[in-house]
N, C-alpha and C. Protein backbone atom coordinates (compact mmCIF):
# COMPACT_ATOMS: atom_id res chain seq x y z
N MET A 1 -16.05 31.63 20.24
CA MET A 1 -14.59 31.63 20.02
C MET A 1 -13.82 30.81 19.21
N TYR A 2 -12.93 31.24 17.99
CA TYR A 2 -12.02 30.47 16.83
C TYR A 2 -11.46 29.32 17.44
N ASN A 3 -11.59 28.68 17.51
CA ASN A 3 -10.57 27.47 17.71
C ASN A 3 -9.61 27.23 16.08
N TYR A 4 -8.33 27.62 16.15
CA TYR A 4 -7.68 27.12 14.95
C TYR A 4 -7.32 26.14 14.77
N THR A 5 -6.75 25.22 15.97
CA THR A 5 -6.25 23.91 15.65
C THR A 5 -7.71 22.93 15.18
N ARG A 6 -8.45 22.74 16.19
CA ARG A 6 -10.08 22.64 15.57
C ARG A 6 -10.11 22.73 13.68
N GLU A 7 -10.41 23.75 13.48
CA GLU A 7 -10.58 24.47 12.04
C GLU A 7 -9.10 23.60 10.99
N MET A 8 -8.19 23.88 11.31
CA MET A 8 -6.46 22.82 10.84
C MET A 8 -7.24 21.39 10.61
N SER A 9 -7.36 21.01 11.72
CA SER A 9 -8.00 19.50 11.73
C SER A 9 -8.91 19.29 10.81
N ARG A 10 -9.97 20.06 10.68
CA ARG A 10 -11.17 19.76 9.98
C ARG A 10 -10.82 19.80 8.29
N VAL A 11 -9.88 20.98 8.02
CA VAL A 11 -9.67 21.21 6.67
C VAL A 11 -8.83 19.99 5.93
N LYS A 12 -8.14 19.75 6.98
CA LYS A 12 -6.83 18.44 6.31
C LYS A 12 -7.47 16.89 6.60
N LEU A 13 -8.58 16.86 7.26
CA LEU A 13 -9.32 16.05 7.27
C LEU A 13 -9.99 15.63 6.15
N ALA A 14 -10.34 16.78 5.64
CA ALA A 14 -11.10 17.51 4.01
C ALA A 14 -9.98 16.92 3.45
N GLU A 15 -9.12 17.48 3.13
CA GLU A 15 -7.88 17.54 2.29
C GLU A 15 -7.88 15.77 2.03
N LYS A 16 -7.59 15.01 3.10
CA LYS A 16 -7.05 13.90 3.28
C LYS A 16 -8.09 12.75 2.58
N ILE A 17 -9.69 12.86 2.97
CA ILE A 17 -10.21 12.38 2.26
C ILE A 17 -10.60 12.61 0.72
N LYS A 18 -10.10 13.95 0.49
CA LYS A 18 -10.40 13.82 -0.86
C LYS A 18 -9.16 13.52 -1.65
N LYS A 19 -8.22 13.46 -1.20
CA LYS A 19 -6.65 12.95 -1.69
C LYS A 19 -6.60 11.40 -2.10
N HIS A 20 -7.19 10.84 -0.92
CA HIS A 20 -7.24 9.19 -1.21
C HIS A 20 -8.15 9.29 -2.03
N ARG A 21 -9.33 9.51 -2.09
CA ARG A 21 -10.59 9.48 -3.34
C ARG A 21 -10.02 9.63 -4.55
N GLU A 22 -9.56 10.73 -4.56
CA GLU A 22 -9.12 10.40 -6.03
C GLU A 22 -7.79 9.96 -6.76
N LYS A 23 -7.28 9.50 -5.61
CA LYS A 23 -6.01 8.75 -5.68
C LYS A 23 -6.43 6.91 -6.37
N ILE A 24 -7.29 6.65 -5.50
CA ILE A 24 -7.97 5.31 -5.83
C ILE A 24 -9.15 5.65 -7.05
N GLY A 25 -9.30 6.76 -7.55
CA GLY A 25 -10.07 7.17 -8.93
C GLY A 25 -11.72 6.66 -8.54
N LEU A 26 -12.02 7.28 -7.53
CA LEU A 26 -13.32 7.46 -6.88
C LEU A 26 -14.28 8.55 -7.01
N THR A 27 -15.45 8.68 -7.69
CA THR A 27 -16.32 9.84 -7.72
C THR A 27 -16.80 10.56 -6.11
N GLN A 28 -17.10 10.91 -5.93
CA GLN A 28 -17.87 11.59 -4.43
C GLN A 28 -18.97 10.49 -4.50
N GLU A 29 -19.77 10.25 -5.38
CA GLU A 29 -20.75 9.53 -5.52
C GLU A 29 -20.67 8.41 -5.14
N ALA A 30 -19.49 7.43 -5.87
CA ALA A 30 -19.41 6.31 -5.96
C ALA A 30 -18.62 5.77 -3.92
N LEU A 31 -17.77 6.81 -3.49
CA LEU A 31 -17.24 6.87 -2.30
C LEU A 31 -18.19 6.71 -1.47
N ALA A 32 -19.33 7.18 -1.83
CA ALA A 32 -20.69 7.36 -0.57
C ALA A 32 -21.38 5.95 -1.02
N ARG A 33 -21.40 5.18 -2.26
CA ARG A 33 -22.05 3.91 -2.13
C ARG A 33 -21.24 3.32 -1.41
N LYS A 34 -19.60 3.32 -1.59
CA LYS A 34 -18.89 2.14 -1.26
C LYS A 34 -19.19 1.96 0.37
N ALA A 35 -19.20 3.14 0.65
CA ALA A 35 -19.09 3.66 2.26
C ALA A 35 -20.61 3.75 2.87
N ASP A 36 -21.40 3.36 2.18
CA ASP A 36 -22.82 3.17 2.49
C ASP A 36 -23.14 4.27 3.30
N ILE A 37 -22.98 5.82 3.05
CA ILE A 37 -23.14 6.73 3.29
C ILE A 37 -23.66 7.89 2.37
N SER A 38 -24.50 8.88 2.82
CA SER A 38 -25.19 9.50 1.66
C SER A 38 -24.11 10.48 1.18
N TYR A 39 -24.56 10.94 -0.28
CA TYR A 39 -23.50 11.94 -1.11
C TYR A 39 -23.23 12.88 -0.24
N ASN A 40 -24.18 13.52 0.16
CA ASN A 40 -24.19 14.86 0.84
C ASN A 40 -23.14 15.07 1.99
N THR A 41 -23.36 13.62 2.70
CA THR A 41 -22.14 13.70 3.89
C THR A 41 -20.63 13.56 3.27
N ILE A 42 -20.62 13.05 1.94
CA ILE A 42 -19.30 12.93 1.48
C ILE A 42 -18.90 14.74 1.21
N ILE A 43 -20.13 14.69 0.41
CA ILE A 43 -19.28 16.47 0.31
C ILE A 43 -19.12 17.04 1.32
N LYS A 44 -20.31 17.03 2.46
CA LYS A 44 -19.74 18.04 3.76
C LYS A 44 -18.43 17.74 4.33
N LEU A 45 -18.29 16.14 4.19
CA LEU A 45 -16.53 15.63 4.38
C LEU A 45 -15.33 16.43 4.10
N GLU A 46 -15.67 16.37 2.57
CA GLU A 46 -14.40 16.93 2.01
C GLU A 46 -14.10 18.80 1.70
N THR A 47 -15.48 19.14 2.07
CA THR A 47 -15.40 21.09 2.23
C THR A 47 -15.55 21.35 3.80
N GLY A 48 -15.22 20.42 4.81
CA GLY A 48 -14.83 20.64 6.52
C GLY A 48 -16.49 21.29 7.01
N GLY A 49 -17.66 20.71 6.15
CA GLY A 49 -18.88 21.30 6.54
C GLY A 49 -19.04 20.38 7.49
N ILE A 50 -18.32 19.59 8.25
CA ILE A 50 -19.08 18.68 9.55
C ILE A 50 -18.21 18.98 10.44
N LYS A 51 -18.50 19.50 11.45
CA LYS A 51 -17.56 20.04 12.77
C LYS A 51 -16.98 18.79 13.32
N ASP A 52 -17.40 18.08 13.92
CA ASP A 52 -16.95 16.74 14.49
C ASP A 52 -17.53 15.12 13.87
N PRO A 53 -17.16 15.37 12.99
CA PRO A 53 -17.98 13.61 12.37
C PRO A 53 -17.65 12.88 13.39
N ARG A 54 -18.37 11.80 13.48
CA ARG A 54 -18.77 10.14 13.90
C ARG A 54 -17.75 9.55 13.77
N ILE A 55 -17.33 8.69 14.31
CA ILE A 55 -16.10 7.98 14.28
C ILE A 55 -16.94 7.02 13.59
N SER A 56 -18.19 6.07 13.18
CA SER A 56 -18.33 5.31 12.37
C SER A 56 -18.54 5.74 11.01
N THR A 57 -18.63 6.96 10.89
CA THR A 57 -18.68 7.57 9.67
C THR A 57 -17.31 7.66 9.06
N LEU A 58 -16.49 8.31 10.00
CA LEU A 58 -15.07 7.83 9.58
C LEU A 58 -14.26 6.84 8.99
N SER A 59 -15.03 6.00 9.88
CA SER A 59 -14.56 4.46 9.67
C SER A 59 -14.87 3.78 8.49
N LYS A 60 -16.53 4.03 7.94
CA LYS A 60 -17.09 3.72 7.00
C LYS A 60 -16.01 4.43 5.68
N VAL A 61 -15.33 5.34 5.76
CA VAL A 61 -15.02 5.96 4.81
C VAL A 61 -13.72 5.46 4.92
N ALA A 62 -12.93 5.45 5.63
CA ALA A 62 -11.57 5.12 5.68
C ALA A 62 -11.52 3.12 4.99
N LYS A 63 -12.85 2.35 5.18
CA LYS A 63 -12.54 1.19 5.10
C LYS A 63 -12.74 1.60 3.47
N ALA A 64 -13.75 2.50 3.07
CA ALA A 64 -13.96 2.08 1.79
C ALA A 64 -12.72 2.70 0.80
N LEU A 65 -12.03 3.74 1.52
CA LEU A 65 -11.05 4.13 0.67
C LEU A 65 -9.64 3.00 1.02
N GLY A 66 -9.69 2.20 1.71
CA GLY A 66 -8.68 1.38 2.04
C GLY A 66 -7.56 1.77 2.99
N VAL A 67 -7.82 3.01 3.86
CA VAL A 67 -7.08 3.12 4.75
C VAL A 67 -7.55 3.24 6.10
N THR A 68 -6.74 3.44 6.95
CA THR A 68 -7.06 3.51 8.12
C THR A 68 -7.59 4.83 8.71
N VAL A 69 -8.71 4.91 9.92
CA VAL A 69 -9.05 5.96 10.73
C VAL A 69 -7.95 6.83 10.98
N ASP A 70 -7.00 6.41 11.56
CA ASP A 70 -5.48 6.80 11.75
C ASP A 70 -5.31 7.70 10.82
N ALA A 71 -5.04 7.49 9.68
CA ALA A 71 -4.15 7.83 8.11
C ALA A 71 -5.24 9.58 7.73
N LEU A 72 -6.45 8.98 8.26
CA LEU A 72 -7.31 10.47 7.99
C LEU A 72 -7.08 11.46 8.88
N ILE A 73 -7.01 11.24 10.23
CA ILE A 73 -6.91 12.19 11.01
C ILE A 73 -5.65 12.51 12.12
N THR A 74 -4.55 11.59 11.83
CA THR A 74 -3.37 11.85 12.18
C THR A 74 -2.64 13.13 11.38
N GLU A 75 -1.46 13.97 11.96
CA GLU A 75 -0.90 14.76 10.72
C GLU A 75 0.12 14.11 10.51
N ASP A 76 0.10 14.57 8.72
CA ASP A 76 1.17 13.55 8.48
C ASP A 76 3.07 14.04 8.94
């Protein structure tokens, strides 16, 4: 069964990560290094390829971007 809310949340998360990354001028590879996670994980996060990212992953990404996890996962 298709879950519209979950799909939209995943898309918004992907958009927010990319927006914050580009705002501070990081490439995907640089963000991966700064967050100490794989480049492949960053690509999947930014394309919505990870259905339920771990909070530890989101925490690393948020810290590397200089934002809170809440800033990535809450509605604008």
